[in-house]
Amino acid sequence: MIRERMHRYNCPVEATIDIVGGKYKAIIIYHLIDATLRFSELQKEIPQATSKMLSQQLRELEADGIINRVLYPVVPPKTEYSLTDLGKTLIPIIQSLCDWGDNYFKLLGVPTPCEEKEM
């Protein structure tokens, strides 16, 4: 799937934004940096995302090779998500986004609305 889309990109930034630019994709990657999480755990971390939207974003990240999805054959079904090796290459980018946002809040003189994750 990834290779099929390569012909439509005009520059590397366009490809990067396409991969991580979904509404919650960067946030999902951020929460998977140090953890393997179940769907329900991701929902708790990203409460503003509907189940449908979160599922869609996870499917797209999986299709792009950014996250692993492991389904355990138990009742009820258990699904875990983690970063692939390719996904781990995005950690510096996500950290830079986090740092920029933190500096932005400081510049505005307002408290950061979330706790900064230790890297």
Protein backbone atom coordinates (compact mmCIF):
# COMPACT_ATOMS: atom_id res chain seq x y z
CA MET A 1 0.00 0.00 0.00
CA ILE A 2 2.81 2.41 0.87
CA ARG A 3 4.59 1.99 -2.43
CA GLU A 4 1.35 2.47 -4.36
CA ARG A 5 1.02 6.00 -2.93
CA MET A 6 4.63 7.09 -3.49
CA HIS A 7 3.99 8.31 -7.02
CA ARG A 8 1.62 11.05 -5.84
CA TYR A 9 4.04 12.82 -3.49
CA ASN A 10 5.83 15.92 -4.72
CA CYS A 11 8.24 16.21 -1.78
CA PRO A 12 9.26 14.34 1.41
CA VAL A 13 7.32 16.76 3.65
CA GLU A 14 4.13 15.87 1.81
CA ALA A 15 4.74 12.16 2.43
CA THR A 16 5.48 12.75 6.13
CA ILE A 17 2.35 14.85 6.63
CA ASP A 18 0.27 12.23 4.83
CA ILE A 19 1.53 9.51 7.17
CA VAL A 20 1.35 11.35 10.53
CA GLY A 21 -1.03 14.17 9.68
CA GLY A 22 -4.32 12.53 10.56
CA LYS A 23 -6.41 14.09 13.29
CA TYR A 24 -5.06 11.79 16.04
CA LYS A 25 -2.14 9.97 14.40
CA ALA A 26 0.67 11.97 16.01
CA ILE A 27 -1.09 11.68 19.39
CA ILE A 28 -1.42 7.91 18.98
CA ILE A 29 2.27 7.63 18.12
CA TYR A 30 3.11 9.82 21.13
CA HIS A 31 1.25 7.50 23.50
CA LEU A 32 2.87 4.39 21.98
CA ILE A 33 6.44 5.70 22.37
CA ASP A 34 7.07 3.92 25.67
CA ALA A 35 4.17 1.49 25.80
CA THR A 36 2.16 -1.21 24.13
CA LEU A 37 -1.46 -0.24 24.63
CA ARG A 38 -4.84 -1.85 24.16
CA PHE A 39 -7.60 -0.06 22.27
CA SER A 40 -9.40 0.85 25.51
CA GLU A 41 -6.18 2.31 26.95
CA LEU A 42 -5.73 4.47 23.86
CA GLN A 43 -9.33 5.63 24.21
CA LYS A 44 -8.60 6.73 27.78
CA GLU A 45 -5.47 8.59 26.62
CA ILE A 46 -7.34 10.28 23.75
CA PRO A 47 -10.87 10.83 25.12
CA GLN A 48 -11.75 13.39 22.44
CA ALA A 49 -11.48 10.72 19.72
CA THR A 50 -14.58 8.71 18.92
CA SER A 51 -14.16 4.93 18.72
CA LYS A 52 -14.80 5.09 14.98
CA MET A 53 -12.18 7.80 14.39
CA LEU A 54 -9.61 6.11 16.63
CA SER A 55 -10.15 2.79 14.82
CA GLN A 56 -9.75 4.48 11.44
CA GLN A 57 -6.54 6.26 12.46
CA LEU A 58 -5.12 3.01 13.90
CA ARG A 59 -5.96 1.11 10.69
CA GLU A 60 -4.21 3.77 8.58
CA LEU A 61 -1.11 3.75 10.79
CA GLU A 62 -1.02 -0.04 10.59
CA ALA A 63 -1.42 0.02 6.80
CA ASP A 64 1.47 2.48 6.57
CA GLY A 65 3.71 0.23 8.65
CA ILE A 66 3.91 2.63 11.61
CA ILE A 67 2.21 0.48 14.24
CA ASN A 68 1.84 -3.22 14.96
CA ARG A 69 -1.58 -4.63 15.78
CA VAL A 70 -1.70 -7.92 17.65
CA LEU A 71 -5.06 -9.62 18.12
CA TYR A 72 -5.23 -12.26 20.85
CA PRO A 73 -7.85 -14.99 20.37
CA VAL A 74 -9.50 -14.65 23.77
CA VAL A 75 -12.99 -13.69 24.90
CA PRO A 76 -13.45 -10.78 24.91
CA PRO A 77 -10.97 -10.10 22.10
CA LYS A 78 -7.77 -8.40 23.17
CA THR A 79 -5.96 -6.13 20.71
CA GLU A 80 -2.63 -4.47 21.45
CA TYR A 81 -0.86 -1.73 19.52
CA SER A 82 2.84 -0.84 19.49
CA LEU A 83 5.27 1.03 17.27
CA THR A 84 7.09 -0.83 14.52
CA ASP A 85 10.77 -0.16 13.87
CA LEU A 86 9.65 2.27 11.15
CA GLY A 87 7.25 3.90 13.63
CA LYS A 88 10.08 4.33 16.13
CA THR A 89 11.93 6.47 13.58
CA LEU A 90 9.15 9.05 14.09
CA ILE A 91 9.94 9.49 17.81
CA PRO A 92 12.31 12.47 17.27
CA ILE A 93 9.67 14.17 15.11
CA ILE A 94 6.93 13.62 17.70
CA GLN A 95 9.28 14.81 20.45
CA SER A 96 10.04 17.95 18.43
CA LEU A 97 6.31 18.60 18.03
CA CYS A 98 5.88 18.18 21.79
CA ASP A 99 8.79 20.52 22.52
CA TRP A 100 7.47 23.14 20.10
CA GLY A 101 4.01 22.98 21.69
CA ASP A 102 5.48 23.32 25.17
CA ASN A 103 7.48 26.38 24.09
CA TYR A 104 4.38 27.81 22.43
CA PHE A 105 2.42 27.61 25.68
CA LYS A 106 5.33 29.21 27.56
CA LEU A 107 5.46 32.03 25.02
CA LEU A 108 1.74 32.63 25.54
CA GLY A 109 2.25 32.55 29.29
CA VAL A 110 -0.25 29.78 29.84
CA PRO A 111 0.26 26.44 31.57
CA THR A 112 0.85 23.39 29.42
CA PRO A 113 -2.49 21.55 29.32
CA CYS A 114 -0.93 18.13 29.65
CA GLU A 115 2.00 16.60 31.48
CA GLU A 116 5.08 16.31 29.35
CA LYS A 117 6.13 12.76 28.67
CA GLU A 118 9.68 11.85 29.63
CA MET A 119 11.77 10.60 26.71
